Amino acid sequence: MNYLLIVASMLICSFTCTVYADTCPVMITYEGKGAGAVVFDGKLHSAKGLTCKKCHEGQGLMPALFEMKKWSTAVNMRKIELGRTCGSCHVVTENDDRNCSSCHHK
């Protein structure tokens, strides 16, 4: 009986998380200091097949890229250049001829 309850709970949780990830309405605007604001669009990332778990839960021995609580993870260009936070997927190096406007909007 307990086994059935555990399996049912796991199925409900995985379905709920998948539904949320597919319809992620979260939009976060980072100040971006003098370079202009940077907007994270959850719908855009979900449309590319990404789930909340991909960035908000650790993968194997790797810690989570972002905490789940809004504003709890500091994001800056140095972390991005080192492949952390946004830089885990959006590769930018210190030596790039950057097109800042691809992320920053004034």
N, C-alpha and C. Protein backbone atom coordinates (compact mmCIF):
# COMPACT_ATOMS: atom_id res chain seq x y z
N MET A 1 0.82 -1.20 0.00
CA MET A 1 0.00 0.00 0.00
C MET A 1 0.86 1.26 0.00
N ASN A 2 1.88 1.30 0.89
CA ASN A 2 2.78 2.46 0.93
C ASN A 2 3.51 2.64 -0.39
N TYR A 3 3.90 1.53 -1.02
CA TYR A 3 4.59 1.58 -2.30
C TYR A 3 3.72 2.26 -3.36
N LEU A 4 2.46 1.90 -3.40
CA LEU A 4 1.53 2.49 -4.36
C LEU A 4 1.36 3.99 -4.12
N LEU A 5 1.29 4.38 -2.87
CA LEU A 5 1.16 5.79 -2.50
C LEU A 5 2.40 6.59 -2.93
N ILE A 6 3.57 6.00 -2.73
CA ILE A 6 4.82 6.67 -3.11
C ILE A 6 4.89 6.83 -4.63
N VAL A 7 4.57 5.79 -5.36
CA VAL A 7 4.61 5.86 -6.83
C VAL A 7 3.60 6.89 -7.34
N ALA A 8 2.40 6.89 -6.78
CA ALA A 8 1.38 7.86 -7.19
C ALA A 8 1.84 9.28 -6.91
N SER A 9 2.46 9.51 -5.76
CA SER A 9 2.96 10.84 -5.41
C SER A 9 4.04 11.29 -6.37
N MET A 10 4.95 10.37 -6.71
CA MET A 10 6.03 10.71 -7.65
C MET A 10 5.48 11.08 -9.02
N LEU A 11 4.49 10.34 -9.47
CA LEU A 11 3.89 10.64 -10.77
C LEU A 11 3.21 12.00 -10.78
N ILE A 12 2.48 12.29 -9.71
CA ILE A 12 1.80 13.59 -9.61
C ILE A 12 2.81 14.72 -9.58
N CYS A 13 3.88 14.58 -8.80
CA CYS A 13 4.91 15.62 -8.70
C CYS A 13 5.61 15.83 -10.03
N SER A 14 5.98 14.75 -10.71
CA SER A 14 6.68 14.91 -11.98
C SER A 14 5.77 15.53 -13.03
N PHE A 15 4.48 15.19 -13.03
CA PHE A 15 3.54 15.79 -13.97
C PHE A 15 3.37 17.28 -13.69
N THR A 16 3.23 17.62 -12.42
CA THR A 16 3.05 19.02 -12.03
C THR A 16 4.27 19.85 -12.42
N CYS A 17 5.48 19.36 -12.15
CA CYS A 17 6.70 20.10 -12.49
C CYS A 17 6.83 20.25 -14.00
N THR A 18 6.49 19.22 -14.75
CA THR A 18 6.59 19.29 -16.20
C THR A 18 5.60 20.31 -16.75
N VAL A 19 4.39 20.31 -16.26
CA VAL A 19 3.39 21.27 -16.72
C VAL A 19 3.85 22.69 -16.41
N TYR A 20 4.37 22.90 -15.21
CA TYR A 20 4.84 24.24 -14.84
C TYR A 20 5.97 24.67 -15.76
N ALA A 21 6.91 23.77 -16.01
CA ALA A 21 8.07 24.12 -16.83
C ALA A 21 7.66 24.44 -18.25
N ASP A 22 6.67 23.74 -18.78
CA ASP A 22 6.23 23.97 -20.15
C ASP A 22 5.51 25.30 -20.30
N THR A 23 5.00 25.84 -19.21
CA THR A 23 4.24 27.08 -19.29
C THR A 23 4.82 28.14 -18.36
N CYS A 24 6.13 28.10 -18.16
CA CYS A 24 6.80 28.99 -17.21
C CYS A 24 6.55 30.46 -17.56
N PRO A 25 5.79 31.16 -16.72
CA PRO A 25 5.45 32.55 -17.01
C PRO A 25 6.48 33.55 -16.46
N VAL A 26 7.55 33.04 -15.85
CA VAL A 26 8.49 33.91 -15.16
C VAL A 26 9.26 34.80 -16.13
N MET A 27 9.27 36.08 -15.81
CA MET A 27 10.07 37.05 -16.56
C MET A 27 10.79 37.89 -15.52
N ILE A 28 12.11 37.89 -15.55
CA ILE A 28 12.91 38.62 -14.58
C ILE A 28 13.77 39.63 -15.32
N THR A 29 13.78 40.85 -14.83
CA THR A 29 14.63 41.89 -15.41
C THR A 29 15.75 42.22 -14.44
N TYR A 30 16.98 42.04 -14.92
CA TYR A 30 18.17 42.39 -14.15
C TYR A 30 18.61 43.79 -14.56
N GLU A 31 19.09 44.57 -13.63
CA GLU A 31 19.50 45.95 -13.90
C GLU A 31 20.54 46.05 -15.00
N GLY A 32 21.56 45.25 -14.93
CA GLY A 32 22.61 45.29 -15.93
C GLY A 32 23.54 46.49 -15.80
N LYS A 33 23.41 47.21 -14.71
CA LYS A 33 24.21 48.40 -14.43
C LYS A 33 24.22 49.35 -15.63
N GLY A 34 25.36 49.88 -16.00
CA GLY A 34 25.43 50.86 -17.09
C GLY A 34 25.22 50.29 -18.47
N ALA A 35 25.30 48.97 -18.61
CA ALA A 35 25.17 48.34 -19.93
C ALA A 35 23.72 48.21 -20.38
N GLY A 36 22.77 48.38 -19.47
CA GLY A 36 21.35 48.23 -19.81
C GLY A 36 20.77 46.97 -19.21
N ALA A 37 19.47 46.94 -19.11
CA ALA A 37 18.76 45.82 -18.48
C ALA A 37 18.89 44.53 -19.28
N VAL A 38 18.87 43.41 -18.57
CA VAL A 38 18.86 42.08 -19.17
C VAL A 38 17.58 41.40 -18.71
N VAL A 39 16.81 40.86 -19.65
CA VAL A 39 15.53 40.24 -19.34
C VAL A 39 15.64 38.73 -19.53
N PHE A 40 15.30 37.97 -18.48
CA PHE A 40 15.17 36.52 -18.58
C PHE A 40 13.71 36.23 -18.88
N ASP A 41 13.45 35.56 -19.98
CA ASP A 41 12.09 35.21 -20.37
C ASP A 41 11.89 33.70 -20.22
N GLY A 42 11.15 33.31 -19.18
CA GLY A 42 10.91 31.90 -18.90
C GLY A 42 10.18 31.19 -20.02
N LYS A 43 9.23 31.88 -20.67
CA LYS A 43 8.48 31.26 -21.77
C LYS A 43 9.41 30.92 -22.94
N LEU A 44 10.35 31.81 -23.23
CA LEU A 44 11.29 31.58 -24.32
C LEU A 44 12.17 30.36 -24.02
N HIS A 45 12.66 30.25 -22.79
CA HIS A 45 13.49 29.12 -22.42
C HIS A 45 12.68 27.82 -22.41
N SER A 46 11.45 27.87 -21.94
CA SER A 46 10.58 26.68 -21.93
C SER A 46 10.28 26.22 -23.35
N ALA A 47 10.09 27.18 -24.25
CA ALA A 47 9.79 26.85 -25.65
C ALA A 47 10.95 26.10 -26.31
N LYS A 48 12.16 26.29 -25.76
CA LYS A 48 13.34 25.58 -26.29
C LYS A 48 13.55 24.24 -25.60
N GLY A 49 12.58 23.84 -24.78
CA GLY A 49 12.63 22.53 -24.14
C GLY A 49 13.31 22.50 -22.78
N LEU A 50 13.68 23.64 -22.25
CA LEU A 50 14.33 23.67 -20.94
C LEU A 50 13.29 23.62 -19.83
N THR A 51 13.65 22.97 -18.76
CA THR A 51 12.78 22.91 -17.59
C THR A 51 13.41 23.71 -16.46
N CYS A 52 12.65 24.04 -15.46
CA CYS A 52 13.15 24.76 -14.29
C CYS A 52 14.28 23.98 -13.63
N LYS A 53 14.13 22.65 -13.58
CA LYS A 53 15.10 21.78 -12.94
C LYS A 53 16.49 21.91 -13.58
N LYS A 54 16.54 22.14 -14.86
CA LYS A 54 17.82 22.22 -15.58
C LYS A 54 18.76 23.23 -14.92
N CYS A 55 18.25 24.36 -14.49
CA CYS A 55 19.09 25.40 -13.91
C CYS A 55 18.95 25.54 -12.40
N HIS A 56 17.82 25.09 -11.86
CA HIS A 56 17.55 25.31 -10.44
C HIS A 56 17.80 24.10 -9.56
N GLU A 57 18.30 22.99 -10.14
CA GLU A 57 18.68 21.82 -9.36
C GLU A 57 20.05 21.39 -9.84
N GLY A 58 20.86 20.88 -8.94
CA GLY A 58 22.18 20.41 -9.31
C GLY A 58 22.11 19.26 -10.29
N GLN A 59 23.12 19.13 -11.12
CA GLN A 59 23.21 18.04 -12.09
C GLN A 59 24.42 17.19 -11.73
N GLY A 60 24.21 16.00 -11.18
CA GLY A 60 25.32 15.14 -10.77
C GLY A 60 26.12 15.81 -9.65
N LEU A 61 27.40 16.04 -9.90
CA LEU A 61 28.25 16.69 -8.90
C LEU A 61 28.22 18.21 -9.02
N MET A 62 27.56 18.74 -10.03
CA MET A 62 27.48 20.18 -10.25
C MET A 62 26.36 20.79 -9.41
N PRO A 63 26.64 21.89 -8.73
CA PRO A 63 25.58 22.56 -7.96
C PRO A 63 24.61 23.28 -8.91
N ALA A 64 23.49 23.68 -8.40
CA ALA A 64 22.50 24.41 -9.19
C ALA A 64 23.11 25.72 -9.68
N LEU A 65 22.73 26.14 -10.90
CA LEU A 65 23.21 27.41 -11.45
C LEU A 65 22.57 28.59 -10.74
N PHE A 66 21.31 28.43 -10.36
CA PHE A 66 20.55 29.49 -9.72
C PHE A 66 19.76 28.92 -8.55
N GLU A 67 19.66 29.69 -7.47
CA GLU A 67 18.76 29.31 -6.38
C GLU A 67 17.33 29.52 -6.89
N MET A 68 16.37 28.87 -6.27
CA MET A 68 14.99 29.00 -6.72
C MET A 68 14.39 30.36 -6.33
N LYS A 69 14.85 30.92 -5.22
CA LYS A 69 14.30 32.19 -4.76
C LYS A 69 14.81 33.34 -5.63
N LYS A 70 13.89 34.17 -6.09
CA LYS A 70 14.24 35.30 -6.94
C LYS A 70 15.25 36.21 -6.26
N TRP A 71 16.26 36.64 -7.01
CA TRP A 71 17.33 37.54 -6.59
C TRP A 71 18.32 36.92 -5.61
N SER A 72 18.23 35.63 -5.34
CA SER A 72 19.15 35.03 -4.37
C SER A 72 20.49 34.64 -4.99
N THR A 73 20.58 34.62 -6.31
CA THR A 73 21.83 34.31 -6.98
C THR A 73 22.34 35.56 -7.69
N ALA A 74 23.53 36.01 -7.32
CA ALA A 74 24.11 37.18 -7.97
C ALA A 74 24.58 36.79 -9.38
N VAL A 75 24.23 37.59 -10.35
CA VAL A 75 24.64 37.36 -11.74
C VAL A 75 25.51 38.53 -12.15
N ASN A 76 26.69 38.22 -12.68
CA ASN A 76 27.56 39.28 -13.19
C ASN A 76 28.36 38.73 -14.37
N MET A 77 28.99 39.62 -15.12
CA MET A 77 29.71 39.22 -16.33
C MET A 77 30.86 38.26 -16.02
N ARG A 78 31.52 38.44 -14.92
CA ARG A 78 32.64 37.55 -14.59
C ARG A 78 32.16 36.11 -14.43
N LYS A 79 31.03 35.92 -13.73
CA LYS A 79 30.47 34.57 -13.58
C LYS A 79 30.06 34.00 -14.93
N ILE A 80 29.49 34.84 -15.77
CA ILE A 80 29.06 34.39 -17.10
C ILE A 80 30.27 33.97 -17.92
N GLU A 81 31.34 34.77 -17.88
CA GLU A 81 32.57 34.44 -18.61
C GLU A 81 33.19 33.13 -18.13
N LEU A 82 33.01 32.81 -16.86
CA LEU A 82 33.55 31.57 -16.28
C LEU A 82 32.62 30.37 -16.50
N GLY A 83 31.52 30.58 -17.23
CA GLY A 83 30.59 29.48 -17.52
C GLY A 83 29.62 29.18 -16.40
N ARG A 84 29.44 30.13 -15.51
CA ARG A 84 28.47 29.96 -14.42
C ARG A 84 27.21 30.76 -14.76
N THR A 85 26.20 30.61 -13.97
CA THR A 85 24.90 31.27 -14.17
C THR A 85 24.52 31.20 -15.65
N CYS A 86 24.20 32.30 -16.27
CA CYS A 86 23.76 32.33 -17.68
C CYS A 86 24.82 31.75 -18.62
N GLY A 87 26.11 31.91 -18.23
CA GLY A 87 27.22 31.46 -19.05
C GLY A 87 27.31 29.96 -19.20
N SER A 88 26.52 29.21 -18.45
CA SER A 88 26.50 27.77 -18.60
C SER A 88 25.99 27.38 -19.99
N CYS A 89 25.07 28.18 -20.53
CA CYS A 89 24.54 27.94 -21.88
C CYS A 89 24.93 29.04 -22.86
N HIS A 90 24.93 30.27 -22.38
CA HIS A 90 25.23 31.42 -23.23
C HIS A 90 26.71 31.75 -23.09
N VAL A 91 27.52 31.22 -23.98
CA VAL A 91 28.97 31.32 -23.87
C VAL A 91 29.46 32.71 -24.27
N VAL A 92 30.13 33.35 -23.34
CA VAL A 92 30.75 34.67 -23.57
C VAL A 92 32.10 34.62 -22.88
N THR A 93 33.14 35.01 -23.59
CA THR A 93 34.45 35.04 -22.96
C THR A 93 34.94 36.47 -22.84
N GLU A 94 35.91 36.67 -21.99
CA GLU A 94 36.45 38.01 -21.73
C GLU A 94 37.05 38.61 -23.00
N ASN A 95 37.56 37.78 -23.89
CA ASN A 95 38.24 38.27 -25.09
C ASN A 95 37.32 38.42 -26.31
N ASP A 96 36.05 38.07 -26.17
CA ASP A 96 35.11 38.20 -27.29
C ASP A 96 34.92 39.65 -27.70
N ASP A 97 34.70 39.86 -28.98
CA ASP A 97 34.18 41.15 -29.43
C ASP A 97 32.70 41.04 -29.15
N ARG A 98 32.31 41.52 -28.02
CA ARG A 98 30.94 41.32 -27.55
C ARG A 98 29.94 42.18 -28.31
N ASN A 99 28.81 41.57 -28.54
CA ASN A 99 27.65 42.31 -29.00
C ASN A 99 26.77 42.45 -27.77
N CYS A 100 27.07 43.44 -26.95
CA CYS A 100 26.38 43.62 -25.66
C CYS A 100 24.87 43.69 -25.82
N SER A 101 24.41 44.25 -26.95
CA SER A 101 22.96 44.46 -27.14
C SER A 101 22.22 43.14 -27.37
N SER A 102 22.94 42.02 -27.53
CA SER A 102 22.23 40.76 -27.67
C SER A 102 21.59 40.34 -26.34
N CYS A 103 22.12 40.85 -25.23
CA CYS A 103 21.52 40.58 -23.91
C CYS A 103 21.05 41.86 -23.20
N HIS A 104 21.84 42.92 -23.32
CA HIS A 104 21.55 44.18 -22.63
C HIS A 104 20.72 45.10 -23.52
N HIS A 105 19.66 45.66 -22.92
CA HIS A 105 18.77 46.56 -23.66
C HIS A 105 18.65 47.87 -22.91
N LYS A 106 18.98 48.97 -23.59
CA LYS A 106 18.90 50.29 -22.94
C LYS A 106 17.55 50.91 -23.23
